[in-house]
Amino acid sequence: MEIKKVGIIGAGKMGSEIALYIAYHGFEVVLKDVYKENLEKGLTNITNFIQDRKNKGRMTGDEADKILSKVKATLDYKDVRDCDMIIESVKEDLDIKREVFYILDNICPENVIFASNTSAIPITKIAAAVKRKDKILGSHFFNPVFLSRLIEVVPISGTSSVTINTVTNFFTAGLKKKIVTSKDGAGFIVNRLLVPFLNEAIILLDEGIATKEEIDRAAQLGMGLPMGPLALMDNLGLDLCLKVADIVHDEYKNERYHAVETIRKMVKENKLGVKTGEGFFKYKTE
């Protein structure tokens, strides 16, 4: 089987970036959301990215138009039925993800591959909603999609080798990404490494060991990271970081994954980072 057309469920930041990235590499994409305003915002994100590259001379007008023509937006599930693969990228909530896959499982042909872009929820729990256990896996893209080279591929025990090989080939040959394969389990590889690291960055700040700028600068220069941990949380969204930490902690009951109180307090105060204009740092909002 060859993947030529991909459905994306969820037109938020990650969903729209994944859709853009796939279209950029020459594949047809159907971007689906429940809400019209979300869909319009996702399409605006895609258009703005392409327009910026065109303005900077990184692509011609014809190239930009060709990419944009490959993205179809819809509010109707029926428009993704003829896709070869559907990637779910909705809110990090098990019940919502299960509902999405339950609907898809009942309307899509049996050959369609399902993938979840969940950051931390075990794929086995999500896959409980579908009958096609041989055609579902995790495909965790990283933010920002255009800059990150990695996708975590997470099969479950029932995922077939054909599905794994098809998806792996699509990601590597088609999308030019690198992959790592993880056994199923909350947080997979990257977020199990990341949650304790982010916690410790907040603890350093709380203890007054260094300023937020110094902590991020130390991580960048001393560890070779493109972005410091505090700025990273601001860019990801502190609400998502907290949700991931809670999922991983609830799964393993290990204190190294327990989110420190500061991040919980900031989320309650709606200091979520870039999207609200303030997190550990302050940002200009539109």
C-alpha atoms as a PDB file:
ATOM      1  CA  MET A   1       0.000   0.000   0.000  1.00  0.00           C
ATOM      2  CA  GLU A   2       1.160   3.513  -0.814  1.00  0.00           C
ATOM      3  CA  ILE A   3       0.045   6.635   1.026  1.00  0.00           C
ATOM      4  CA  LYS A   4      -0.950   9.414  -1.365  1.00  0.00           C
ATOM      5  CA  LYS A   5      -3.714  11.247   0.493  1.00  0.00           C
ATOM      6  CA  VAL A   6      -3.816  12.033   4.210  1.00  0.00           C
ATOM      7  CA  GLY A   7      -6.618  13.223   6.453  1.00  0.00           C
ATOM      8  CA  ILE A   8      -5.834  15.368   9.496  1.00  0.00           C
ATOM      9  CA  ILE A   9      -8.429  15.543  12.264  1.00  0.00           C
ATOM     10  CA  GLY A  10      -7.969  18.739  14.252  1.00  0.00           C
ATOM     11  CA  ALA A  11      -6.985  22.088  12.702  1.00  0.00           C
ATOM     12  CA  GLY A  12      -5.168  23.510  15.716  1.00  0.00           C
ATOM     13  CA  LYS A  13      -1.521  24.527  15.753  1.00  0.00           C
ATOM     14  CA  MET A  14      -0.139  21.001  15.417  1.00  0.00           C
ATOM     15  CA  GLY A  15      -2.841  19.733  13.076  1.00  0.00           C
ATOM     16  CA  SER A  16      -2.471  22.648  10.670  1.00  0.00           C
ATOM     17  CA  GLU A  17       1.336  22.392  10.769  1.00  0.00           C
ATOM     18  CA  ILE A  18       1.203  18.666  10.000  1.00  0.00           C
ATOM     19  CA  ALA A  19      -1.224  19.323   7.143  1.00  0.00           C
ATOM     20  CA  LEU A  20       1.035  22.043   5.751  1.00  0.00           C
ATOM     21  CA  TYR A  21       4.143  19.866   6.035  1.00  0.00           C
ATOM     22  CA  ILE A  22       2.490  16.971   4.205  1.00  0.00           C
ATOM     23  CA  ALA A  23       1.145  19.229   1.436  1.00  0.00           C
ATOM     24  CA  TYR A  24       4.562  20.886   1.151  1.00  0.00           C
ATOM     25  CA  HIS A  25       5.992  17.467   0.296  1.00  0.00           C
ATOM     26  CA  GLY A  26       3.531  16.962  -2.525  1.00  0.00           C
ATOM     27  CA  PHE A  27       0.707  14.950  -0.955  1.00  0.00           C
ATOM     28  CA  GLU A  28      -3.025  15.643  -0.908  1.00  0.00           C
ATOM     29  CA  VAL A  29      -4.372  16.641   2.508  1.00  0.00           C
ATOM     30  CA  VAL A  30      -7.872  16.930   3.947  1.00  0.00           C
ATOM     31  CA  LEU A  31      -7.914  19.072   7.108  1.00  0.00           C
ATOM     32  CA  LYS A  32     -10.994  18.459   9.242  1.00  0.00           C
ATOM     33  CA  ASP A  33     -12.249  20.184  12.377  1.00  0.00           C
ATOM     34  CA  VAL A  34     -15.493  20.382  14.325  1.00  0.00           C
ATOM     35  CA  TYR A  35     -15.560  24.175  14.467  1.00  0.00           C
ATOM     36  CA  LYS A  36     -15.527  26.528  11.479  1.00  0.00           C
ATOM     37  CA  GLU A  37     -13.468  29.150  13.331  1.00  0.00           C
ATOM     38  CA  ASN A  38     -10.776  26.574  14.158  1.00  0.00           C
ATOM     39  CA  LEU A  39     -10.658  25.479  10.544  1.00  0.00           C
ATOM     40  CA  GLU A  40     -10.364  29.048   9.297  1.00  0.00           C
ATOM     41  CA  LYS A  41      -7.584  29.783  11.784  1.00  0.00           C
ATOM     42  CA  GLY A  42      -5.726  26.620  10.737  1.00  0.00           C
ATOM     43  CA  LEU A  43      -5.987  27.585   7.068  1.00  0.00           C
ATOM     44  CA  THR A  44      -4.756  31.087   7.905  1.00  0.00           C
ATOM     45  CA  ASN A  45      -1.723  29.585   9.641  1.00  0.00           C
ATOM     46  CA  ILE A  46      -0.966  27.550   6.530  1.00  0.00           C
ATOM     47  CA  THR A  47      -1.476  30.473   4.146  1.00  0.00           C
ATOM     48  CA  ASN A  48       0.646  32.837   6.248  1.00  0.00           C
ATOM     49  CA  PHE A  49       3.529  30.363   6.349  1.00  0.00           C
ATOM     50  CA  ILE A  50       3.488  29.895   2.575  1.00  0.00           C
ATOM     51  CA  GLN A  51       3.120  33.638   1.956  1.00  0.00           C
ATOM     52  CA  ASP A  52       6.102  34.356   4.206  1.00  0.00           C
ATOM     53  CA  ARG A  53       8.286  31.903   2.302  1.00  0.00           C
ATOM     54  CA  LYS A  54       7.145  33.393  -1.006  1.00  0.00           C
ATOM     55  CA  ASN A  55       7.877  36.933   0.216  1.00  0.00           C
ATOM     56  CA  LYS A  56      11.374  35.842   1.264  1.00  0.00           C
ATOM     57  CA  GLY A  57      12.037  34.359  -2.164  1.00  0.00           C
ATOM     58  CA  ARG A  58      12.131  30.777  -0.923  1.00  0.00           C
ATOM     59  CA  MET A  59       9.440  29.682  -3.365  1.00  0.00           C
ATOM     60  CA  THR A  60       7.734  31.034  -6.450  1.00  0.00           C
ATOM     61  CA  GLY A  61       4.109  32.061  -6.688  1.00  0.00           C
ATOM     62  CA  ASP A  62       3.353  28.928  -8.723  1.00  0.00           C
ATOM     63  CA  GLU A  63       4.994  26.711  -6.090  1.00  0.00           C
ATOM     64  CA  ALA A  64       3.005  28.412  -3.325  1.00  0.00           C
ATOM     65  CA  ASP A  65      -0.266  27.994  -5.221  1.00  0.00           C
ATOM     66  CA  LYS A  66       0.490  24.328  -5.893  1.00  0.00           C
ATOM     67  CA  ILE A  67       1.030  23.614  -2.187  1.00  0.00           C
ATOM     68  CA  LEU A  68      -2.096  25.470  -1.112  1.00  0.00           C
ATOM     69  CA  SER A  69      -4.150  23.662  -3.759  1.00  0.00           C
ATOM     70  CA  LYS A  70      -3.304  20.351  -2.117  1.00  0.00           C
ATOM     71  CA  VAL A  71      -5.065  21.282   1.164  1.00  0.00           C
ATOM     72  CA  LYS A  72      -8.826  20.808   1.362  1.00  0.00           C
ATOM     73  CA  ALA A  73     -10.677  22.015   4.466  1.00  0.00           C
ATOM     74  CA  THR A  74     -13.861  20.403   5.747  1.00  0.00           C
ATOM     75  CA  LEU A  75     -16.212  20.159   8.704  1.00  0.00           C
ATOM     76  CA  ASP A  76     -17.557  16.798   7.511  1.00  0.00           C
ATOM     77  CA  TYR A  77     -16.048  13.417   8.373  1.00  0.00           C
ATOM     78  CA  LYS A  78     -17.211  11.967   5.046  1.00  0.00           C
ATOM     79  CA  ASP A  79     -14.557  14.005   3.250  1.00  0.00           C
ATOM     80  CA  VAL A  80     -11.726  11.969   4.809  1.00  0.00           C
ATOM     81  CA  ARG A  81     -13.138   8.568   3.881  1.00  0.00           C
ATOM     82  CA  ASP A  82     -11.059   8.248   0.718  1.00  0.00           C
ATOM     83  CA  CYS A  83      -7.769   9.073   2.450  1.00  0.00           C
ATOM     84  CA  ASP A  84      -5.105   6.376   2.690  1.00  0.00           C
ATOM     85  CA  MET A  85      -4.101   7.456   6.194  1.00  0.00           C
ATOM     86  CA  ILE A  86      -5.802   9.623   8.821  1.00  0.00           C
ATOM     87  CA  ILE A  87      -3.829  11.352  11.570  1.00  0.00           C
ATOM     88  CA  GLU A  88      -5.726  12.489  14.643  1.00  0.00           C
ATOM     89  CA  SER A  89      -4.416  15.692  16.215  1.00  0.00           C
ATOM     90  CA  VAL A  90      -7.157  16.811  18.590  1.00  0.00           C
ATOM     91  CA  LYS A  91      -7.108  17.832  22.247  1.00  0.00           C
ATOM     92  CA  GLU A  92      -4.995  15.652  24.550  1.00  0.00           C
ATOM     93  CA  ASP A  93      -8.050  13.947  26.014  1.00  0.00           C
ATOM     94  CA  LEU A  94      -8.592  10.186  25.863  1.00  0.00           C
ATOM     95  CA  ASP A  95     -12.389  10.331  25.544  1.00  0.00           C
ATOM     96  CA  ILE A  96     -12.259  12.853  22.684  1.00  0.00           C
ATOM     97  CA  LYS A  97      -9.637  10.834  20.826  1.00  0.00           C
ATOM     98  CA  ARG A  98     -11.628   7.634  21.252  1.00  0.00           C
ATOM     99  CA  GLU A  99     -14.747   9.346  19.916  1.00  0.00           C
ATOM    100  CA  VAL A 100     -12.842  10.505  16.821  1.00  0.00           C
ATOM    101  CA  PHE A 101     -11.536   7.027  16.065  1.00  0.00           C
ATOM    102  CA  TYR A 102     -14.891   5.382  16.779  1.00  0.00           C
ATOM    103  CA  ILE A 103     -16.488   7.616  14.133  1.00  0.00           C
ATOM    104  CA  LEU A 104     -13.658   7.029  11.671  1.00  0.00           C
ATOM    105  CA  ASP A 105     -13.709   3.267  12.203  1.00  0.00           C
ATOM    106  CA  ASN A 106     -17.383   3.175  11.284  1.00  0.00           C
ATOM    107  CA  ILE A 107     -17.215   5.283   8.124  1.00  0.00           C
ATOM    108  CA  CYS A 108     -13.799   4.525   6.594  1.00  0.00           C
ATOM    109  CA  PRO A 109     -12.933   1.565   4.345  1.00  0.00           C
ATOM    110  CA  GLU A 110     -10.958  -1.211   6.026  1.00  0.00           C
ATOM    111  CA  ASN A 111      -7.735  -0.344   4.211  1.00  0.00           C
ATOM    112  CA  VAL A 112      -7.439   3.128   5.824  1.00  0.00           C
ATOM    113  CA  ILE A 113      -4.595   3.468   8.344  1.00  0.00           C
ATOM    114  CA  PHE A 114      -5.253   5.369  11.575  1.00  0.00           C
ATOM    115  CA  ALA A 115      -2.576   7.258  13.510  1.00  0.00           C
ATOM    116  CA  SER A 116      -2.685   9.383  16.651  1.00  0.00           C
ATOM    117  CA  ASN A 117      -0.469  12.408  17.184  1.00  0.00           C
ATOM    118  CA  THR A 118      -0.928  12.138  20.955  1.00  0.00           C
ATOM    119  CA  SER A 119       1.990  13.454  23.002  1.00  0.00           C
ATOM    120  CA  ALA A 120       1.609  11.017  25.864  1.00  0.00           C
ATOM    121  CA  ILE A 121      -1.563   8.880  25.952  1.00  0.00           C
ATOM    122  CA  PRO A 122      -0.860   5.155  25.412  1.00  0.00           C
ATOM    123  CA  ILE A 123      -1.981   4.141  21.923  1.00  0.00           C
ATOM    124  CA  THR A 124      -3.532   0.925  23.260  1.00  0.00           C
ATOM    125  CA  LYS A 125      -6.016   2.993  25.265  1.00  0.00           C
ATOM    126  CA  ILE A 126      -6.954   5.052  22.210  1.00  0.00           C
ATOM    127  CA  ALA A 127      -7.165   1.954  19.989  1.00  0.00           C
ATOM    128  CA  ALA A 128      -9.845   0.456  22.253  1.00  0.00           C
ATOM    129  CA  ALA A 129     -12.334   2.469  20.168  1.00  0.00           C
ATOM    130  CA  VAL A 130     -11.573   0.693  16.889  1.00  0.00           C
ATOM    131  CA  LYS A 131     -11.845  -2.783  15.434  1.00  0.00           C
ATOM    132  CA  ARG A 132      -8.892  -2.425  13.013  1.00  0.00           C
ATOM    133  CA  LYS A 133      -6.160  -3.046  15.591  1.00  0.00           C
ATOM    134  CA  ASP A 134      -3.825  -4.039  12.761  1.00  0.00           C
ATOM    135  CA  LYS A 135      -4.070  -0.585  11.183  1.00  0.00           C
ATOM    136  CA  ILE A 136      -3.588   1.804  14.100  1.00  0.00           C
ATOM    137  CA  LEU A 137      -0.444   3.237  15.677  1.00  0.00           C
ATOM    138  CA  GLY A 138       1.015   6.386  17.175  1.00  0.00           C
ATOM    139  CA  SER A 139       2.723   9.003  15.019  1.00  0.00           C
ATOM    140  CA  HIS A 140       4.004  11.715  17.338  1.00  0.00           C
ATOM    141  CA  PHE A 141       5.172  14.791  15.416  1.00  0.00           C
ATOM    142  CA  PHE A 142       7.142  17.475  17.230  1.00  0.00           C
ATOM    143  CA  ASN A 143       6.698  21.235  17.433  1.00  0.00           C
ATOM    144  CA  PRO A 144       7.509  23.089  15.259  1.00  0.00           C
ATOM    145  CA  VAL A 145       6.823  20.484  12.587  1.00  0.00           C
ATOM    146  CA  PHE A 146       8.960  22.173   9.898  1.00  0.00           C
ATOM    147  CA  LEU A 147      12.044  22.414  12.106  1.00  0.00           C
ATOM    148  CA  SER A 148      11.895  19.156  14.045  1.00  0.00           C
ATOM    149  CA  ARG A 149      13.333  16.194  12.170  1.00  0.00           C
ATOM    150  CA  LEU A 150      11.701  13.545  14.350  1.00  0.00           C
ATOM    151  CA  ILE A 151       8.514  11.494  14.439  1.00  0.00           C
ATOM    152  CA  GLU A 152       7.984   8.866  17.142  1.00  0.00           C
ATOM    153  CA  VAL A 153       6.254   5.799  15.690  1.00  0.00           C
ATOM    154  CA  VAL A 154       4.388   3.779  18.322  1.00  0.00           C
ATOM    155  CA  PRO A 155       2.833   0.464  17.253  1.00  0.00           C
ATOM    156  CA  ILE A 156       0.585  -1.540  19.561  1.00  0.00           C
ATOM    157  CA  SER A 157       0.723  -5.317  19.900  1.00  0.00           C
ATOM    158  CA  GLY A 158      -1.846  -5.782  17.134  1.00  0.00           C
ATOM    159  CA  THR A 159      -0.356  -3.366  14.590  1.00  0.00           C
ATOM    160  CA  SER A 160       0.612  -5.292  11.469  1.00  0.00           C
ATOM    161  CA  SER A 161       4.093  -5.214   9.964  1.00  0.00           C
ATOM    162  CA  VAL A 162       2.513  -3.998   6.712  1.00  0.00           C
ATOM    163  CA  THR A 163       1.056  -0.966   8.504  1.00  0.00           C
ATOM    164  CA  ILE A 164       4.330  -0.219  10.261  1.00  0.00           C
ATOM    165  CA  ASN A 165       6.343  -0.508   7.043  1.00  0.00           C
ATOM    166  CA  THR A 166       3.865   1.581   5.048  1.00  0.00           C
ATOM    167  CA  VAL A 167       3.820   4.403   7.591  1.00  0.00           C
ATOM    168  CA  THR A 168       7.576   4.278   8.162  1.00  0.00           C
ATOM    169  CA  ASN A 169       8.247   4.523   4.426  1.00  0.00           C
ATOM    170  CA  PHE A 170       5.821   7.436   4.100  1.00  0.00           C
ATOM    171  CA  PHE A 171       7.471   9.364   6.934  1.00  0.00           C
ATOM    172  CA  THR A 172      11.052   8.746   5.821  1.00  0.00           C
ATOM    173  CA  ALA A 173      10.882   8.633   2.010  1.00  0.00           C
ATOM    174  CA  GLY A 174       7.797  10.798   1.551  1.00  0.00           C
ATOM    175  CA  LEU A 175       8.160  13.402   4.311  1.00  0.00           C
ATOM    176  CA  LYS A 176      11.961  13.221   4.735  1.00  0.00           C
ATOM    177  CA  LYS A 177      11.662  12.765   8.507  1.00  0.00           C
ATOM    178  CA  LYS A 178      13.743  10.667  10.862  1.00  0.00           C
ATOM    179  CA  ILE A 179      11.869   8.186  13.028  1.00  0.00           C
ATOM    180  CA  VAL A 180      12.344   6.358  16.285  1.00  0.00           C
ATOM    181  CA  THR A 181      10.126   3.420  17.171  1.00  0.00           C
ATOM    182  CA  SER A 182       8.888   3.163  20.740  1.00  0.00           C
ATOM    183  CA  LYS A 183       6.990   0.477  22.571  1.00  0.00           C
ATOM    184  CA  ASP A 184       3.595   1.701  23.694  1.00  0.00           C
ATOM    185  CA  GLY A 185       3.462   3.444  27.059  1.00  0.00           C
ATOM    186  CA  ALA A 186       2.578   6.877  28.401  1.00  0.00           C
ATOM    187  CA  GLY A 187       5.017   9.531  27.175  1.00  0.00           C
ATOM    188  CA  PHE A 188       6.805   7.154  24.774  1.00  0.00           C
ATOM    189  CA  ILE A 189      10.519   8.123  24.612  1.00  0.00           C
ATOM    190  CA  VAL A 190      10.844  11.884  24.315  1.00  0.00           C
ATOM    191  CA  ASN A 191       8.277  12.995  26.866  1.00  0.00           C
ATOM    192  CA  ARG A 192       9.479  10.508  29.460  1.00  0.00           C
ATOM    193  CA  LEU A 193      12.877  12.171  29.107  1.00  0.00           C
ATOM    194  CA  LEU A 194      11.437  15.660  28.873  1.00  0.00           C
ATOM    195  CA  VAL A 195       9.018  15.827  31.816  1.00  0.00           C
ATOM    196  CA  PRO A 196      11.666  15.470  34.575  1.00  0.00           C
ATOM    197  CA  PHE A 197      13.951  17.878  32.693  1.00  0.00           C
ATOM    198  CA  LEU A 198      11.268  20.573  32.471  1.00  0.00           C
ATOM    199  CA  ASN A 199      10.332  20.044  36.108  1.00  0.00           C
ATOM    200  CA  GLU A 200      13.931  20.568  37.160  1.00  0.00           C
ATOM    201  CA  ALA A 201      14.184  23.785  35.150  1.00  0.00           C
ATOM    202  CA  ILE A 202      11.208  25.194  37.083  1.00  0.00           C
ATOM    203  CA  ILE A 203      12.700  24.022  40.385  1.00  0.00           C
ATOM    204  CA  LEU A 204      15.962  25.831  39.575  1.00  0.00           C
ATOM    205  CA  LEU A 205      13.960  28.999  38.957  1.00  0.00           C
ATOM    206  CA  ASP A 206      11.863  28.557  42.126  1.00  0.00           C
ATOM    207  CA  GLU A 207      14.983  28.027  44.228  1.00  0.00           C
ATOM    208  CA  GLY A 208      16.612  31.150  42.829  1.00  0.00           C
ATOM    209  CA  ILE A 209      19.604  29.214  41.502  1.00  0.00           C
ATOM    210  CA  ALA A 210      19.576  31.355  38.354  1.00  0.00           C
ATOM    211  CA  THR A 211      17.344  33.680  36.372  1.00  0.00           C
ATOM    212  CA  LYS A 212      15.032  32.322  33.715  1.00  0.00           C
ATOM    213  CA  GLU A 213      17.333  33.759  31.049  1.00  0.00           C
ATOM    214  CA  GLU A 214      20.393  32.104  32.579  1.00  0.00           C
ATOM    215  CA  ILE A 215      18.652  28.739  32.916  1.00  0.00           C
ATOM    216  CA  ASP A 216      17.638  28.741  29.256  1.00  0.00           C
ATOM    217  CA  ARG A 217      21.026  30.019  28.110  1.00  0.00           C
ATOM    218  CA  ALA A 218      22.810  27.320  30.127  1.00  0.00           C
ATOM    219  CA  ALA A 219      20.655  24.596  28.569  1.00  0.00           C
ATOM    220  CA  GLN A 220      21.231  25.934  25.065  1.00  0.00           C
ATOM    221  CA  LEU A 221      24.986  26.452  25.312  1.00  0.00           C
ATOM    222  CA  GLY A 222      25.812  23.643  27.714  1.00  0.00           C
ATOM    223  CA  MET A 223      23.515  20.956  26.296  1.00  0.00           C
ATOM    224  CA  GLY A 224      23.341  22.016  22.655  1.00  0.00           C
ATOM    225  CA  LEU A 225      19.580  22.596  22.719  1.00  0.00           C
ATOM    226  CA  PRO A 226      17.956  24.913  20.149  1.00  0.00           C
ATOM    227  CA  MET A 227      15.682  26.369  22.818  1.00  0.00           C
ATOM    228  CA  GLY A 228      15.857  26.583  26.614  1.00  0.00           C
ATOM    229  CA  PRO A 229      13.380  24.566  28.728  1.00  0.00           C
ATOM    230  CA  LEU A 230      11.396  27.565  29.980  1.00  0.00           C
ATOM    231  CA  ALA A 231      10.994  29.062  26.506  1.00  0.00           C
ATOM    232  CA  LEU A 232      10.118  25.599  25.207  1.00  0.00           C
ATOM    233  CA  MET A 233       7.267  25.278  27.699  1.00  0.00           C
ATOM    234  CA  ASP A 234       6.016  28.721  26.708  1.00  0.00           C
ATOM    235  CA  ASN A 235       6.012  27.703  23.039  1.00  0.00           C
ATOM    236  CA  LEU A 236       4.344  24.346  23.636  1.00  0.00           C
ATOM    237  CA  GLY A 237       1.789  25.816  26.035  1.00  0.00           C
ATOM    238  CA  LEU A 238       2.034  25.305  29.775  1.00  0.00           C
ATOM    239  CA  ASP A 239      -1.401  23.679  29.790  1.00  0.00           C
ATOM    240  CA  LEU A 240      -0.183  20.985  27.390  1.00  0.00           C
ATOM    241  CA  CYS A 241       3.041  20.505  29.383  1.00  0.00           C
ATOM    242  CA  LEU A 242       0.997  20.028  32.549  1.00  0.00           C
ATOM    243  CA  LYS A 243      -1.392  17.624  30.830  1.00  0.00           C
ATOM    244  CA  VAL A 244       1.482  15.494  29.535  1.00  0.00           C
ATOM    245  CA  ALA A 245       3.163  15.426  32.963  1.00  0.00           C
ATOM    246  CA  ASP A 246      -0.093  14.362  34.613  1.00  0.00           C
ATOM    247  CA  ILE A 247      -0.683  11.589  32.063  1.00  0.00           C
ATOM    248  CA  VAL A 248       2.818  10.190  32.494  1.00  0.00           C
ATOM    249  CA  HIS A 249       2.708  10.503  36.299  1.00  0.00           C
ATOM    250  CA  ASP A 250      -0.703   8.834  36.504  1.00  0.00           C
ATOM    251  CA  GLU A 251       0.557   5.947  34.390  1.00  0.00           C
ATOM    252  CA  TYR A 252       3.813   5.219  36.218  1.00  0.00           C
ATOM    253  CA  LYS A 253       3.143   6.672  39.710  1.00  0.00           C
ATOM    254  CA  ASN A 254       6.731   7.878  39.850  1.00  0.00           C
ATOM    255  CA  GLU A 255       7.518  11.174  41.563  1.00  0.00           C
ATOM    256  CA  ARG A 256      10.056  12.182  38.922  1.00  0.00           C
ATOM    257  CA  TYR A 257       7.097  12.851  36.632  1.00  0.00           C
ATOM    258  CA  HIS A 258       5.068  14.809  39.192  1.00  0.00           C
ATOM    259  CA  ALA A 259       4.470  18.342  37.881  1.00  0.00           C
ATOM    260  CA  VAL A 260       5.795  21.003  40.255  1.00  0.00           C
ATOM    261  CA  GLU A 261       3.220  23.307  41.809  1.00  0.00           C
ATOM    262  CA  THR A 262       4.466  26.399  39.968  1.00  0.00           C
ATOM    263  CA  ILE A 263       3.296  25.175  36.558  1.00  0.00           C
ATOM    264  CA  ARG A 264      -0.083  24.176  37.981  1.00  0.00           C
ATOM    265  CA  LYS A 265      -0.453  27.667  39.483  1.00  0.00           C
ATOM    266  CA  MET A 266       0.520  29.354  36.205  1.00  0.00           C
ATOM    267  CA  VAL A 267      -2.038  27.333  34.263  1.00  0.00           C
ATOM    268  CA  LYS A 268      -4.765  28.348  36.736  1.00  0.00           C
ATOM    269  CA  GLU A 269      -3.736  31.980  36.176  1.00  0.00           C
ATOM    270  CA  ASN A 270      -3.955  31.438  32.384  1.00  0.00           C
ATOM    271  CA  LYS A 271      -0.259  32.168  31.960  1.00  0.00           C
ATOM    272  CA  LEU A 272       0.084  29.552  29.262  1.00  0.00           C
ATOM    273  CA  GLY A 273       2.970  31.010  27.278  1.00  0.00           C
ATOM    274  CA  VAL A 274       3.028  32.419  23.769  1.00  0.00           C
ATOM    275  CA  LYS A 275      -0.668  31.835  23.075  1.00  0.00           C
ATOM    276  CA  THR A 276      -1.818  33.981  26.015  1.00  0.00           C
ATOM    277  CA  GLY A 277       1.026  36.512  25.908  1.00  0.00           C
ATOM    278  CA  GLU A 278       2.653  35.441  29.160  1.00  0.00           C
ATOM    279  CA  GLY A 279       4.248  32.340  30.612  1.00  0.00           C
ATOM    280  CA  PHE A 280       7.754  32.312  32.029  1.00  0.00           C
ATOM    281  CA  PHE A 281       8.423  35.148  29.572  1.00  0.00           C
ATOM    282  CA  LYS A 282       6.141  37.825  28.129  1.00  0.00           C
ATOM    283  CA  TYR A 283       5.112  38.001  24.479  1.00  0.00           C
ATOM    284  CA  LYS A 284       3.368  40.425  22.166  1.00  0.00           C
ATOM    285  CA  THR A 285      -0.122  39.318  21.260  1.00  0.00           C
ATOM    286  CA  GLU A 286      -2.052  40.229  18.123  1.00  0.00           C
END
